[in-house]
Amino acid sequence: MRQLKMNWQFHLMILPSLIFLLVFSYLPMAGIVIAFQNYKPALGFTGSAWVGFENFRLLFEREDSMQVIWNTLIIAVLKIIVNLGAPFVFAIFLNEVRKQFFKRYVQTLVYLPHFLSWVILGGILVDILSTDGGLVNRALEAIGLSPIFFLGDGSWFRVTVIVTDAWKEFGYGTIVFLAALAGINPSLYEAAEVDGASRWKQTRHITIPSMIPMAIVVGTLALGNILNAGFDQIFNLYNPLVYEKGDIIDTFVYRTGILSGDLGLGTAVGLFKSVISMILIVISYRLAYKWANYRIF
């Protein structure tokens, strides 16, 4: 209390952030009661009938909802693998570049897509992947291959989603691994050169082992977001032709809750996802602490 009185100016500075957090993060949580009601907007929370776990029963009985969960897991797991592997390998190659100007230029170039929203990128991808004169399909035709309906075929849609997400985000992930590389003791490389080790042997026995702890931290923490397969990206790219293999939990909640007006089922799906995500975050945090001694506090 004494510290609070002495430093009240500093505590007052965090007051706007606390109010923002309460208004936009905690107060809306009261809306989860909709998951247990046959919610009617005209009747409100107090007038709508309580249905217990009926909405959750419907969630697990509907064939399309289970397909949506599988789609989410498949897309999210593949994204985690690719988004972990691509920056890891790219950081190793970029670290071998000796021209600092070229190194910084490439690093900036691959980092730029991270700042573009999926609204913009979605429009660009729809144009360049189109079967009607799209740049990619023109290139395929030029080398004698048949056009591919990237955004209309379910299997190709998943590939497109994973590849484009990796292209957008691997520059950001590369920075994390470059930071890990900067922390390697240079004397290890000097000792290896004295012993006659080639660059490949130095990479295999010094660089890669030094990056493994960071890779474990990034990989285990990504498990907490395994049910976040990327609403912005899927929403801006998908269409009814790829619902079977491209619809994920977040887009399913949007279509069920907003477009179809079944707010109870939509909220139940969202609550189910939040509970599973919280459990995965706790588990991944414990794994990161156990395997890489990573802890926030």
Protein backbone atom coordinates (compact mmCIF):
# COMPACT_ATOMS: atom_id res chain seq x y z
CA MET A 1 0.00 0.00 0.00
CA ARG A 2 2.88 2.33 0.84
CA GLN A 3 4.47 1.68 -2.57
CA LEU A 4 1.07 2.32 -4.18
CA LYS A 5 0.82 5.73 -2.49
CA MET A 6 4.40 6.67 -3.38
CA ASN A 7 4.06 5.67 -7.07
CA TRP A 8 0.41 6.47 -7.68
CA GLN A 9 1.28 8.38 -10.86
CA PHE A 10 2.69 5.23 -12.49
CA HIS A 11 -0.29 3.14 -11.41
CA LEU A 12 -2.62 5.80 -12.80
CA MET A 13 -0.93 5.44 -16.20
CA ILE A 14 -2.08 1.80 -16.52
CA LEU A 15 -5.69 2.68 -15.67
CA PRO A 16 -6.77 3.27 -19.34
CA SER A 17 -5.34 -0.13 -20.29
CA LEU A 18 -7.20 -1.83 -17.44
CA ILE A 19 -10.48 -0.15 -18.44
CA PHE A 20 -9.94 -1.18 -22.08
CA LEU A 21 -9.24 -4.76 -20.98
CA LEU A 22 -12.33 -4.91 -18.78
CA VAL A 23 -14.68 -3.42 -21.38
CA PHE A 24 -13.50 -5.29 -24.45
CA SER A 25 -12.14 -8.56 -23.01
CA TYR A 26 -13.87 -9.44 -19.74
CA LEU A 27 -17.36 -7.96 -20.00
CA PRO A 28 -18.11 -9.74 -23.33
CA MET A 29 -17.33 -13.06 -21.60
CA ALA A 30 -20.78 -12.84 -20.01
CA GLY A 31 -22.12 -13.72 -23.44
CA ILE A 32 -21.01 -17.36 -23.06
CA VAL A 33 -24.36 -18.02 -21.33
CA ILE A 34 -25.82 -18.05 -24.86
CA ALA A 35 -24.15 -21.44 -25.32
CA PHE A 36 -26.58 -22.87 -22.73
CA GLN A 37 -29.71 -21.14 -24.02
CA ASN A 38 -32.07 -21.24 -26.97
CA TYR A 39 -31.15 -17.61 -27.40
CA LYS A 40 -33.63 -15.20 -28.94
CA PRO A 41 -32.29 -11.65 -29.41
CA ALA A 42 -35.77 -10.23 -28.76
CA LEU A 43 -35.96 -11.97 -25.35
CA GLY A 44 -32.35 -11.31 -24.28
CA PHE A 45 -30.30 -13.28 -21.74
CA THR A 46 -32.99 -13.26 -19.07
CA GLY A 47 -35.97 -14.18 -21.28
CA SER A 48 -34.39 -16.91 -23.47
CA ALA A 49 -35.02 -20.53 -22.48
CA TRP A 50 -32.22 -22.52 -20.85
CA VAL A 51 -31.35 -25.75 -22.72
CA GLY A 52 -28.36 -26.98 -20.71
CA PHE A 53 -25.81 -28.81 -22.89
CA GLU A 54 -28.21 -29.26 -25.82
CA ASN A 55 -26.13 -27.02 -28.11
CA PHE A 56 -22.99 -29.02 -27.29
CA ARG A 57 -24.86 -32.27 -28.06
CA LEU A 58 -25.83 -30.86 -31.44
CA LEU A 59 -22.21 -29.87 -32.01
CA PHE A 60 -20.98 -33.46 -31.69
CA GLU A 61 -23.95 -34.99 -33.56
CA ARG A 62 -23.73 -32.82 -36.67
CA GLU A 63 -21.60 -34.43 -39.35
CA ASP A 64 -20.38 -31.12 -40.73
CA SER A 65 -19.24 -29.87 -37.29
CA MET A 66 -16.96 -32.88 -36.77
CA GLN A 67 -15.59 -32.39 -40.30
CA VAL A 68 -14.88 -28.76 -39.38
CA ILE A 69 -12.89 -29.85 -36.30
CA TRP A 70 -10.83 -32.26 -38.41
CA ASN A 71 -10.24 -29.56 -41.04
CA THR A 72 -9.05 -27.20 -38.32
CA LEU A 73 -6.64 -29.74 -36.85
CA ILE A 74 -5.20 -30.77 -40.24
CA ILE A 75 -4.67 -27.21 -41.48
CA ALA A 76 -3.34 -25.95 -38.12
CA VAL A 77 -0.88 -28.84 -37.63
CA LEU A 78 0.48 -28.50 -41.18
CA LYS A 79 0.83 -24.74 -40.68
CA ILE A 80 2.79 -25.26 -37.45
CA ILE A 81 5.15 -27.75 -39.13
CA VAL A 82 5.78 -25.58 -42.20
CA ASN A 83 5.99 -22.31 -40.23
CA LEU A 84 8.53 -23.90 -37.89
CA GLY A 85 10.65 -25.62 -40.52
CA ALA A 86 10.82 -22.86 -43.16
CA PRO A 87 12.18 -20.08 -40.86
CA PHE A 88 14.58 -22.57 -39.21
CA VAL A 89 16.19 -23.55 -42.52
CA PHE A 90 16.04 -20.04 -44.00
CA ALA A 91 17.73 -18.52 -40.94
CA ILE A 92 20.62 -20.99 -41.26
CA PHE A 93 21.14 -20.11 -44.95
CA LEU A 94 20.81 -16.38 -44.30
CA ASN A 95 23.31 -16.61 -41.46
CA GLU A 96 25.90 -17.94 -43.91
CA VAL A 97 25.66 -14.80 -46.07
CA ARG A 98 28.70 -12.62 -45.49
CA LYS A 99 27.50 -9.49 -47.35
CA GLN A 100 25.71 -7.56 -44.61
CA PHE A 101 23.90 -5.24 -47.06
CA PHE A 102 22.47 -8.18 -49.03
CA LYS A 103 21.61 -9.97 -45.79
CA ARG A 104 19.63 -7.00 -44.45
CA TYR A 105 17.93 -6.49 -47.84
CA VAL A 106 16.74 -10.09 -48.01
CA GLN A 107 15.66 -10.06 -44.36
CA THR A 108 13.55 -6.95 -44.93
CA LEU A 109 12.09 -8.30 -48.17
CA VAL A 110 10.84 -11.56 -46.61
CA TYR A 111 9.55 -9.70 -43.53
CA LEU A 112 7.33 -7.27 -45.48
CA PRO A 113 4.40 -9.67 -46.22
CA HIS A 114 3.83 -9.96 -42.44
CA PHE A 115 2.46 -6.39 -42.45
CA LEU A 116 -0.10 -7.01 -45.21
CA SER A 117 -3.60 -7.98 -44.12
CA TRP A 118 -5.36 -11.03 -45.52
CA VAL A 119 -8.00 -8.70 -46.98
CA ILE A 120 -5.38 -7.30 -49.37
CA LEU A 121 -3.54 -10.57 -49.89
CA GLY A 122 -6.84 -12.40 -50.46
CA GLY A 123 -7.72 -10.13 -53.37
CA ILE A 124 -4.23 -10.50 -54.86
CA LEU A 125 -4.26 -14.30 -54.52
CA VAL A 126 -7.72 -14.61 -56.08
CA ASP A 127 -6.40 -12.78 -59.15
CA ILE A 128 -3.06 -14.53 -59.59
CA LEU A 129 -4.47 -18.02 -58.85
CA SER A 130 -7.51 -17.65 -61.09
CA THR A 131 -8.09 -20.25 -63.81
CA ASP A 132 -9.27 -17.43 -66.06
CA GLY A 133 -6.00 -15.75 -66.97
CA GLY A 134 -4.34 -15.93 -63.53
CA LEU A 135 -0.56 -15.45 -63.51
CA VAL A 136 0.21 -18.86 -61.93
CA ASN A 137 -2.01 -20.84 -64.30
CA ARG A 138 -0.57 -18.96 -67.29
CA ALA A 139 2.89 -20.06 -66.16
CA LEU A 140 1.67 -23.67 -65.79
CA GLU A 141 0.20 -23.60 -69.29
CA ALA A 142 3.42 -22.14 -70.67
CA ILE A 143 5.36 -25.22 -69.51
CA GLY A 144 2.70 -27.63 -70.80
CA LEU A 145 0.77 -28.33 -67.55
CA SER A 146 -3.01 -28.17 -67.06
CA PRO A 147 -4.51 -25.26 -65.11
CA ILE A 148 -5.23 -25.90 -61.43
CA PHE A 149 -8.34 -24.64 -59.64
CA PHE A 150 -6.40 -23.65 -56.49
CA LEU A 151 -9.34 -21.97 -54.70
CA GLY A 152 -12.08 -24.29 -55.97
CA ASP A 153 -10.60 -27.74 -55.33
CA GLY A 154 -10.59 -28.83 -51.67
CA SER A 155 -7.20 -30.57 -51.68
CA TRP A 156 -5.48 -27.76 -53.59
CA PHE A 157 -7.19 -25.22 -51.34
CA ARG A 158 -5.48 -26.69 -48.27
CA VAL A 159 -2.10 -26.62 -50.05
CA THR A 160 -2.72 -23.02 -51.12
CA VAL A 161 -3.67 -21.97 -47.58
CA ILE A 162 -0.58 -23.55 -46.02
CA VAL A 163 1.89 -22.29 -48.66
CA THR A 164 0.56 -18.73 -48.70
CA ASP A 165 0.53 -18.57 -44.89
CA ALA A 166 4.14 -19.76 -44.80
CA TRP A 167 5.09 -17.13 -47.41
CA LYS A 168 3.44 -14.39 -45.33
CA GLU A 169 4.85 -15.35 -41.94
CA PHE A 170 8.21 -17.12 -42.42
CA GLY A 171 10.06 -13.79 -42.51
CA TYR A 172 8.74 -12.96 -39.04
CA GLY A 173 9.72 -16.41 -37.75
CA THR A 174 13.18 -16.03 -39.26
CA ILE A 175 13.88 -13.07 -36.98
CA VAL A 176 13.36 -15.26 -33.91
CA PHE A 177 15.88 -17.82 -35.14
CA LEU A 178 18.36 -15.14 -36.25
CA ALA A 179 18.21 -13.80 -32.69
CA ALA A 180 19.03 -17.29 -31.44
CA LEU A 181 21.96 -17.47 -33.89
CA ALA A 182 23.28 -14.11 -32.66
CA GLY A 183 23.53 -15.59 -29.16
CA ILE A 184 25.96 -18.37 -30.17
CA ASN A 185 29.43 -17.90 -28.72
CA PRO A 186 31.82 -17.00 -31.64
CA SER A 187 34.67 -18.84 -29.90
CA LEU A 188 32.89 -22.11 -30.75
CA TYR A 189 33.28 -21.39 -34.48
CA GLU A 190 36.89 -20.24 -34.00
CA ALA A 191 37.75 -23.45 -32.17
CA ALA A 192 36.03 -25.48 -34.91
CA GLU A 193 38.03 -23.69 -37.63
CA VAL A 194 41.28 -24.39 -35.76
CA ASP A 195 40.30 -28.06 -35.72
CA GLY A 196 39.71 -27.92 -39.50
CA ALA A 197 35.90 -28.20 -39.46
CA SER A 198 34.18 -27.19 -42.70
CA ARG A 199 31.23 -24.76 -42.78
CA TRP A 200 28.83 -27.67 -43.11
CA LYS A 201 30.32 -29.42 -40.04
CA GLN A 202 30.17 -26.16 -38.08
CA THR A 203 26.51 -25.81 -39.05
CA ARG A 204 25.70 -29.40 -38.16
CA HIS A 205 27.56 -29.53 -34.83
CA ILE A 206 27.28 -25.91 -33.57
CA THR A 207 24.56 -23.91 -35.35
CA ILE A 208 21.74 -26.46 -35.47
CA PRO A 209 22.17 -27.77 -31.87
CA SER A 210 22.22 -24.15 -30.63
CA MET A 211 18.91 -23.45 -32.39
CA ILE A 212 17.11 -26.55 -31.14
CA PRO A 213 16.02 -25.02 -27.75
CA MET A 214 14.45 -22.04 -29.53
CA ALA A 215 12.74 -24.39 -32.00
CA ILE A 216 11.32 -26.39 -29.07
CA VAL A 217 9.98 -23.21 -27.44
CA VAL A 218 8.40 -21.94 -30.67
CA GLY A 219 6.95 -25.36 -31.51
CA THR A 220 5.48 -26.11 -28.08
CA LEU A 221 3.98 -22.64 -27.68
CA ALA A 222 2.42 -22.99 -31.15
CA LEU A 223 0.50 -26.01 -29.82
CA GLY A 224 -1.62 -23.59 -27.80
CA ASN A 225 -2.93 -22.12 -31.06
CA ILE A 226 -3.57 -25.44 -32.75
CA LEU A 227 -7.29 -24.68 -33.02
CA ASN A 228 -6.57 -21.26 -34.56
CA ALA A 229 -6.16 -22.21 -38.20
CA GLY A 230 -6.43 -18.61 -39.39
CA PHE A 231 -9.91 -17.08 -39.69
CA ASP A 232 -8.79 -14.02 -41.69
CA GLN A 233 -7.02 -16.08 -44.32
CA ILE A 234 -9.70 -18.77 -44.75
CA PHE A 235 -12.56 -16.24 -44.71
CA ASN A 236 -11.00 -14.18 -47.51
CA LEU A 237 -10.10 -17.16 -49.69
CA TYR A 238 -12.74 -19.86 -49.29
CA ASN A 239 -16.08 -20.43 -51.01
CA PRO A 240 -18.86 -23.08 -50.88
CA LEU A 241 -16.88 -25.33 -53.26
CA VAL A 242 -14.23 -25.98 -50.59
CA TYR A 243 -16.35 -26.05 -47.42
CA GLU A 244 -15.80 -29.80 -47.08
CA LYS A 245 -12.01 -29.50 -46.72
CA GLY A 246 -11.50 -25.80 -46.05
CA ASP A 247 -14.10 -24.85 -43.44
CA ILE A 248 -12.56 -24.38 -39.97
CA ILE A 249 -14.03 -23.78 -36.51
CA ASP A 250 -13.87 -19.97 -36.70
CA THR A 251 -15.54 -19.73 -40.12
CA PHE A 252 -18.10 -22.35 -39.02
CA VAL A 253 -18.94 -20.19 -35.98
CA TYR A 254 -19.36 -17.18 -38.28
CA ARG A 255 -21.64 -19.02 -40.71
CA THR A 256 -23.67 -20.71 -37.97
CA GLY A 257 -23.94 -17.84 -35.51
CA ILE A 258 -24.09 -14.77 -37.76
CA LEU A 259 -25.33 -15.90 -41.17
CA SER A 260 -27.71 -18.68 -40.04
CA GLY A 261 -28.79 -16.92 -36.85
CA ASP A 262 -28.19 -19.98 -34.60
CA LEU A 263 -26.37 -17.99 -31.93
CA GLY A 264 -26.61 -20.75 -29.30
CA LEU A 265 -24.81 -23.36 -31.41
CA GLY A 266 -22.30 -20.81 -32.70
CA THR A 267 -21.41 -19.75 -29.14
CA ALA A 268 -21.18 -23.38 -28.01
CA VAL A 269 -18.66 -24.10 -30.78
CA GLY A 270 -16.64 -21.01 -29.84
CA LEU A 271 -16.70 -21.93 -26.11
CA PHE A 272 -15.62 -25.49 -26.91
CA LYS A 273 -12.70 -24.14 -28.91
CA SER A 274 -11.69 -21.70 -26.15
CA VAL A 275 -11.68 -24.39 -23.43
CA ILE A 276 -9.60 -26.80 -25.53
CA SER A 277 -7.22 -23.96 -26.48
CA MET A 278 -6.75 -22.99 -22.81
CA ILE A 279 -5.88 -26.60 -21.90
CA LEU A 280 -3.41 -26.81 -24.81
CA ILE A 281 -1.77 -23.51 -23.78
CA VAL A 282 -1.22 -24.79 -20.22
CA ILE A 283 0.20 -28.08 -21.53
CA SER A 284 2.46 -26.39 -24.09
CA TYR A 285 3.73 -23.94 -21.48
CA ARG A 286 4.61 -26.81 -19.15
CA LEU A 287 6.35 -28.67 -22.00
CA ALA A 288 8.34 -25.54 -22.95
CA TYR A 289 9.42 -25.19 -19.32
CA LYS A 290 10.38 -28.87 -19.07
CA TRP A 291 12.24 -29.20 -22.40
CA ALA A 292 13.74 -25.72 -22.88
CA ASN A 293 13.56 -24.15 -19.40
CA TYR A 294 11.27 -21.45 -20.84
CA ARG A 295 9.07 -19.49 -18.46
CA ILE A 296 7.32 -16.15 -18.63
CA PHE A 297 7.56 -15.35 -14.91
